[in-house]
Amino acid sequence: MRELCRYLERTGLKTLVDVRLEGQLPVETALGFFQLLEEASEEAVRQKEQSQICCIKEKQGGWELSLLWDPHPWVREFAVRNQAKYGLGLSWLELEYGNSLVLRSQRRDGP
């Protein structure tokens, strides 16, 4: 993740990362979050975004990755285009101050 953020800095996309985890992410969840962060960030660079906020947090029942940009229609289009790849855990929110892309991963009980 740090390498991706350094790469993004070189492209001109400033990225603020906030991680709030009590433990470690399961490997499958971490890989899915990283893939979405990489793909969405590349799209943000193409869309000439200047900055983004990335937050990874543990929630009751699972984990959540949220990405925030200024309000632009590309975020919704990206979410719709990638729904099949990421499933129902992917959503977008139109907020007063920006657009957020959210990927949720549920905790799985048992082995």
N, C-alpha and C. Protein backbone atom coordinates (compact mmCIF):
# COMPACT_ATOMS: atom_id res chain seq x y z
N MET A 1 0.83 -1.19 0.00
CA MET A 1 0.00 0.00 0.00
C MET A 1 0.88 1.26 0.00
N ARG A 2 1.96 1.22 0.77
CA ARG A 2 2.86 2.38 0.79
C ARG A 2 3.48 2.61 -0.58
N GLU A 3 3.85 1.53 -1.27
CA GLU A 3 4.42 1.65 -2.60
C GLU A 3 3.42 2.27 -3.56
N LEU A 4 2.16 1.85 -3.47
CA LEU A 4 1.12 2.41 -4.33
C LEU A 4 0.97 3.90 -4.04
N CYS A 5 0.96 4.30 -2.78
CA CYS A 5 0.82 5.72 -2.44
C CYS A 5 2.01 6.53 -2.96
N ARG A 6 3.23 5.97 -2.90
CA ARG A 6 4.40 6.67 -3.45
C ARG A 6 4.26 6.83 -4.97
N TYR A 7 3.77 5.78 -5.62
CA TYR A 7 3.54 5.85 -7.06
C TYR A 7 2.51 6.94 -7.37
N LEU A 8 1.43 6.97 -6.61
CA LEU A 8 0.38 7.95 -6.85
C LEU A 8 0.89 9.37 -6.64
N GLU A 9 1.75 9.57 -5.66
CA GLU A 9 2.34 10.88 -5.44
C GLU A 9 3.08 11.33 -6.70
N ARG A 10 3.80 10.41 -7.35
CA ARG A 10 4.54 10.75 -8.56
C ARG A 10 3.61 11.11 -9.71
N THR A 11 2.39 10.56 -9.72
CA THR A 11 1.43 10.89 -10.78
C THR A 11 0.72 12.21 -10.50
N GLY A 12 0.88 12.74 -9.29
CA GLY A 12 0.22 13.99 -8.92
C GLY A 12 -1.01 13.80 -8.06
N LEU A 13 -1.37 12.57 -7.75
CA LEU A 13 -2.55 12.29 -6.93
C LEU A 13 -2.11 12.14 -5.47
N LYS A 14 -2.39 13.14 -4.67
CA LYS A 14 -2.06 13.09 -3.24
C LYS A 14 -3.05 12.17 -2.55
N THR A 15 -2.54 11.25 -1.74
CA THR A 15 -3.39 10.27 -1.08
C THR A 15 -3.17 10.31 0.42
N LEU A 16 -4.23 10.56 1.16
CA LEU A 16 -4.21 10.49 2.61
C LEU A 16 -4.77 9.13 3.00
N VAL A 17 -4.02 8.36 3.77
CA VAL A 17 -4.45 7.02 4.16
C VAL A 17 -4.69 6.99 5.67
N ASP A 18 -5.84 6.48 6.07
CA ASP A 18 -6.20 6.32 7.48
C ASP A 18 -6.57 4.85 7.69
N VAL A 19 -5.81 4.16 8.53
CA VAL A 19 -6.07 2.75 8.79
C VAL A 19 -6.45 2.58 10.25
N ARG A 20 -7.61 2.00 10.49
CA ARG A 20 -8.12 1.78 11.84
C ARG A 20 -8.49 0.31 11.99
N LEU A 21 -7.50 -0.49 12.31
CA LEU A 21 -7.71 -1.93 12.46
C LEU A 21 -7.28 -2.36 13.86
N GLU A 22 -8.05 -3.28 14.43
CA GLU A 22 -7.67 -3.84 15.72
C GLU A 22 -6.74 -5.03 15.53
N GLY A 23 -6.84 -5.70 14.43
CA GLY A 23 -5.99 -6.85 14.12
C GLY A 23 -5.53 -6.75 12.69
N GLN A 24 -5.33 -7.87 12.06
CA GLN A 24 -4.91 -7.90 10.67
C GLN A 24 -6.09 -8.23 9.77
N LEU A 25 -6.01 -7.73 8.55
CA LEU A 25 -7.01 -8.09 7.55
C LEU A 25 -6.73 -9.50 7.06
N PRO A 26 -7.75 -10.29 6.79
CA PRO A 26 -7.53 -11.58 6.13
C PRO A 26 -6.90 -11.31 4.76
N VAL A 27 -6.08 -12.22 4.28
CA VAL A 27 -5.36 -12.04 3.03
C VAL A 27 -6.31 -11.75 1.87
N GLU A 28 -7.39 -12.50 1.77
CA GLU A 28 -8.35 -12.30 0.68
C GLU A 28 -8.95 -10.89 0.71
N THR A 29 -9.27 -10.40 1.89
CA THR A 29 -9.83 -9.05 2.03
C THR A 29 -8.78 -8.01 1.67
N ALA A 30 -7.56 -8.18 2.17
CA ALA A 30 -6.48 -7.23 1.89
C ALA A 30 -6.21 -7.14 0.39
N LEU A 31 -6.19 -8.28 -0.29
CA LEU A 31 -5.95 -8.29 -1.74
C LEU A 31 -7.07 -7.60 -2.50
N GLY A 32 -8.32 -7.85 -2.09
CA GLY A 32 -9.46 -7.19 -2.73
C GLY A 32 -9.43 -5.69 -2.52
N PHE A 33 -9.11 -5.25 -1.30
CA PHE A 33 -9.02 -3.82 -1.01
C PHE A 33 -7.90 -3.19 -1.84
N PHE A 34 -6.74 -3.85 -1.90
CA PHE A 34 -5.62 -3.30 -2.66
C PHE A 34 -5.97 -3.20 -4.14
N GLN A 35 -6.61 -4.23 -4.69
CA GLN A 35 -6.98 -4.21 -6.10
C GLN A 35 -7.92 -3.04 -6.40
N LEU A 36 -8.92 -2.84 -5.54
CA LEU A 36 -9.84 -1.73 -5.76
C LEU A 36 -9.12 -0.39 -5.62
N LEU A 37 -8.29 -0.26 -4.61
CA LEU A 37 -7.55 0.99 -4.42
C LEU A 37 -6.69 1.30 -5.65
N GLU A 38 -6.03 0.28 -6.17
CA GLU A 38 -5.18 0.47 -7.34
C GLU A 38 -6.01 0.88 -8.57
N GLU A 39 -7.07 0.15 -8.84
CA GLU A 39 -7.88 0.43 -10.03
C GLU A 39 -8.59 1.78 -9.93
N ALA A 40 -9.16 2.07 -8.77
CA ALA A 40 -9.88 3.33 -8.60
C ALA A 40 -8.91 4.51 -8.63
N SER A 41 -7.73 4.34 -8.05
CA SER A 41 -6.73 5.41 -8.07
C SER A 41 -6.24 5.69 -9.48
N GLU A 42 -6.04 4.64 -10.27
CA GLU A 42 -5.65 4.84 -11.66
C GLU A 42 -6.73 5.60 -12.42
N GLU A 43 -7.99 5.27 -12.15
CA GLU A 43 -9.08 6.01 -12.79
C GLU A 43 -9.09 7.47 -12.31
N ALA A 44 -8.83 7.69 -11.03
CA ALA A 44 -8.78 9.06 -10.50
C ALA A 44 -7.68 9.86 -11.20
N VAL A 45 -6.55 9.23 -11.45
CA VAL A 45 -5.46 9.91 -12.18
C VAL A 45 -5.93 10.26 -13.58
N ARG A 46 -6.59 9.31 -14.27
CA ARG A 46 -7.12 9.58 -15.62
C ARG A 46 -8.13 10.72 -15.60
N GLN A 47 -8.88 10.81 -14.51
CA GLN A 47 -9.91 11.85 -14.38
C GLN A 47 -9.34 13.18 -13.87
N LYS A 48 -8.03 13.21 -13.67
CA LYS A 48 -7.31 14.41 -13.25
C LYS A 48 -7.67 14.88 -11.84
N GLU A 49 -7.99 13.92 -10.97
CA GLU A 49 -8.20 14.25 -9.56
C GLU A 49 -6.87 14.70 -8.97
N GLN A 50 -6.93 15.59 -8.02
CA GLN A 50 -5.72 16.09 -7.36
C GLN A 50 -5.42 15.35 -6.07
N SER A 51 -6.47 14.85 -5.41
CA SER A 51 -6.27 14.20 -4.12
C SER A 51 -7.38 13.19 -3.87
N GLN A 52 -7.10 12.30 -2.92
CA GLN A 52 -8.10 11.32 -2.50
C GLN A 52 -7.82 10.95 -1.04
N ILE A 53 -8.85 10.50 -0.38
CA ILE A 53 -8.71 10.01 0.99
C ILE A 53 -9.08 8.53 0.97
N CYS A 54 -8.24 7.73 1.60
CA CYS A 54 -8.45 6.29 1.68
C CYS A 54 -8.54 5.91 3.15
N CYS A 55 -9.60 5.24 3.53
CA CYS A 55 -9.78 4.81 4.92
C CYS A 55 -10.10 3.32 4.95
N ILE A 56 -9.33 2.59 5.75
CA ILE A 56 -9.59 1.17 5.97
C ILE A 56 -9.91 1.02 7.45
N LYS A 57 -11.09 0.48 7.72
CA LYS A 57 -11.46 0.33 9.13
C LYS A 57 -12.15 -0.99 9.39
N GLU A 58 -12.02 -1.40 10.63
CA GLU A 58 -12.68 -2.61 11.09
C GLU A 58 -14.03 -2.19 11.65
N LYS A 59 -15.04 -2.89 11.22
CA LYS A 59 -16.40 -2.62 11.70
C LYS A 59 -16.95 -3.92 12.27
N GLN A 60 -17.99 -3.78 13.04
CA GLN A 60 -18.60 -4.99 13.58
C GLN A 60 -19.04 -5.86 12.41
N GLY A 61 -18.56 -7.10 12.40
CA GLY A 61 -18.94 -8.02 11.34
C GLY A 61 -18.03 -8.01 10.13
N GLY A 62 -17.02 -7.13 10.10
CA GLY A 62 -16.14 -7.13 8.94
C GLY A 62 -15.25 -5.91 8.84
N TRP A 63 -14.93 -5.56 7.58
CA TRP A 63 -14.01 -4.48 7.31
C TRP A 63 -14.57 -3.64 6.17
N GLU A 64 -14.03 -2.40 6.06
CA GLU A 64 -14.51 -1.49 5.04
C GLU A 64 -13.36 -0.65 4.50
N LEU A 65 -13.31 -0.54 3.19
CA LEU A 65 -12.41 0.37 2.51
C LEU A 65 -13.28 1.47 1.92
N SER A 66 -12.95 2.71 2.21
CA SER A 66 -13.68 3.81 1.57
C SER A 66 -12.68 4.77 0.95
N LEU A 67 -13.02 5.23 -0.23
CA LEU A 67 -12.20 6.17 -0.98
C LEU A 67 -13.06 7.40 -1.25
N LEU A 68 -12.49 8.57 -1.08
CA LEU A 68 -13.25 9.81 -1.22
C LEU A 68 -12.54 10.76 -2.18
N TRP A 69 -13.31 11.32 -3.11
CA TRP A 69 -12.82 12.33 -4.05
C TRP A 69 -13.80 13.49 -4.07
N ASP A 70 -13.40 14.56 -4.77
CA ASP A 70 -14.32 15.66 -5.00
C ASP A 70 -15.54 15.12 -5.76
N PRO A 71 -16.67 15.84 -5.71
CA PRO A 71 -17.87 15.32 -6.39
C PRO A 71 -17.74 15.35 -7.92
N HIS A 72 -17.62 14.18 -8.51
CA HIS A 72 -17.56 14.03 -9.96
C HIS A 72 -18.33 12.76 -10.35
N PRO A 73 -18.98 12.77 -11.52
CA PRO A 73 -19.80 11.62 -11.94
C PRO A 73 -19.01 10.35 -12.24
N TRP A 74 -17.71 10.43 -12.45
CA TRP A 74 -16.94 9.24 -12.80
C TRP A 74 -16.97 8.19 -11.69
N VAL A 75 -17.14 8.62 -10.43
CA VAL A 75 -17.12 7.68 -9.32
C VAL A 75 -18.30 6.71 -9.42
N ARG A 76 -19.48 7.25 -9.68
CA ARG A 76 -20.67 6.40 -9.85
C ARG A 76 -20.49 5.46 -11.04
N GLU A 77 -20.00 6.00 -12.14
CA GLU A 77 -19.78 5.19 -13.34
C GLU A 77 -18.78 4.07 -13.07
N PHE A 78 -17.71 4.37 -12.32
CA PHE A 78 -16.73 3.36 -11.96
C PHE A 78 -17.39 2.26 -11.13
N ALA A 79 -18.20 2.64 -10.15
CA ALA A 79 -18.87 1.66 -9.28
C ALA A 79 -19.79 0.75 -10.10
N VAL A 80 -20.58 1.33 -10.98
CA VAL A 80 -21.51 0.55 -11.80
C VAL A 80 -20.73 -0.41 -12.70
N ARG A 81 -19.67 0.09 -13.32
CA ARG A 81 -18.86 -0.71 -14.24
C ARG A 81 -18.16 -1.87 -13.54
N ASN A 82 -17.84 -1.72 -12.26
CA ASN A 82 -17.08 -2.74 -11.53
C ASN A 82 -17.92 -3.55 -10.55
N GLN A 83 -19.23 -3.37 -10.56
CA GLN A 83 -20.12 -4.08 -9.63
C GLN A 83 -19.98 -5.59 -9.75
N ALA A 84 -19.92 -6.11 -10.95
CA ALA A 84 -19.82 -7.56 -11.14
C ALA A 84 -18.51 -8.11 -10.58
N LYS A 85 -17.44 -7.36 -10.71
CA LYS A 85 -16.13 -7.80 -10.24
C LYS A 85 -16.06 -7.84 -8.72
N TYR A 86 -16.62 -6.83 -8.04
CA TYR A 86 -16.49 -6.72 -6.59
C TYR A 86 -17.74 -7.15 -5.83
N GLY A 87 -18.82 -7.38 -6.53
CA GLY A 87 -20.03 -7.88 -5.89
C GLY A 87 -20.82 -6.81 -5.15
N LEU A 88 -21.76 -7.28 -4.34
CA LEU A 88 -22.67 -6.38 -3.63
C LEU A 88 -21.98 -5.56 -2.55
N GLY A 89 -20.74 -5.93 -2.20
CA GLY A 89 -20.01 -5.17 -1.19
C GLY A 89 -19.54 -3.82 -1.70
N LEU A 90 -19.61 -3.58 -3.03
CA LEU A 90 -19.17 -2.32 -3.62
C LEU A 90 -20.35 -1.38 -3.77
N SER A 91 -20.19 -0.17 -3.28
CA SER A 91 -21.24 0.84 -3.43
C SER A 91 -20.59 2.21 -3.57
N TRP A 92 -21.39 3.19 -3.90
CA TRP A 92 -20.90 4.56 -3.97
C TRP A 92 -21.90 5.46 -3.26
N LEU A 93 -21.39 6.51 -2.71
CA LEU A 93 -22.22 7.47 -1.99
C LEU A 93 -21.96 8.87 -2.54
N GLU A 94 -23.05 9.58 -2.79
CA GLU A 94 -22.93 10.97 -3.19
C GLU A 94 -23.12 11.80 -1.92
N LEU A 95 -22.05 12.44 -1.49
CA LEU A 95 -22.05 13.21 -0.27
C LEU A 95 -22.05 14.70 -0.59
N GLU A 96 -22.34 15.52 0.40
CA GLU A 96 -22.33 16.97 0.21
C GLU A 96 -20.98 17.47 -0.27
N TYR A 97 -19.93 16.86 0.23
CA TYR A 97 -18.58 17.34 -0.01
C TYR A 97 -17.77 16.47 -0.96
N GLY A 98 -18.37 15.43 -1.52
CA GLY A 98 -17.62 14.57 -2.44
C GLY A 98 -18.35 13.28 -2.77
N ASN A 99 -17.66 12.42 -3.51
CA ASN A 99 -18.18 11.11 -3.85
C ASN A 99 -17.30 10.06 -3.21
N SER A 100 -17.94 9.06 -2.63
CA SER A 100 -17.21 8.01 -1.93
C SER A 100 -17.50 6.67 -2.58
N LEU A 101 -16.45 5.89 -2.72
CA LEU A 101 -16.55 4.52 -3.21
C LEU A 101 -16.25 3.65 -2.00
N VAL A 102 -17.13 2.68 -1.71
CA VAL A 102 -17.00 1.87 -0.50
C VAL A 102 -17.03 0.39 -0.88
N LEU A 103 -16.08 -0.37 -0.30
CA LEU A 103 -16.06 -1.81 -0.47
C LEU A 103 -16.08 -2.42 0.92
N ARG A 104 -17.11 -3.24 1.17
CA ARG A 104 -17.25 -3.91 2.46
C ARG A 104 -16.95 -5.40 2.32
N SER A 105 -16.31 -5.93 3.33
CA SER A 105 -16.01 -7.36 3.36
C SER A 105 -16.49 -7.90 4.69
N GLN A 106 -17.31 -8.94 4.63
CA GLN A 106 -17.87 -9.53 5.85
C GLN A 106 -16.90 -10.52 6.45
N ARG A 107 -16.90 -10.58 7.77
CA ARG A 107 -16.10 -11.55 8.49
C ARG A 107 -16.73 -12.93 8.28
N ARG A 108 -15.89 -13.90 8.00
CA ARG A 108 -16.38 -15.27 7.82
C ARG A 108 -16.07 -16.07 9.07
N ASP A 109 -17.06 -16.73 9.60
CA ASP A 109 -16.86 -17.56 10.80
C ASP A 109 -16.35 -18.94 10.38
N GLY A 110 -15.48 -19.47 11.20
CA GLY A 110 -15.01 -20.83 10.95
C GLY A 110 -13.83 -20.87 10.01
N PRO A 111 -13.29 -22.06 9.80
CA PRO A 111 -12.11 -22.22 8.95
C PRO A 111 -12.40 -21.98 7.48
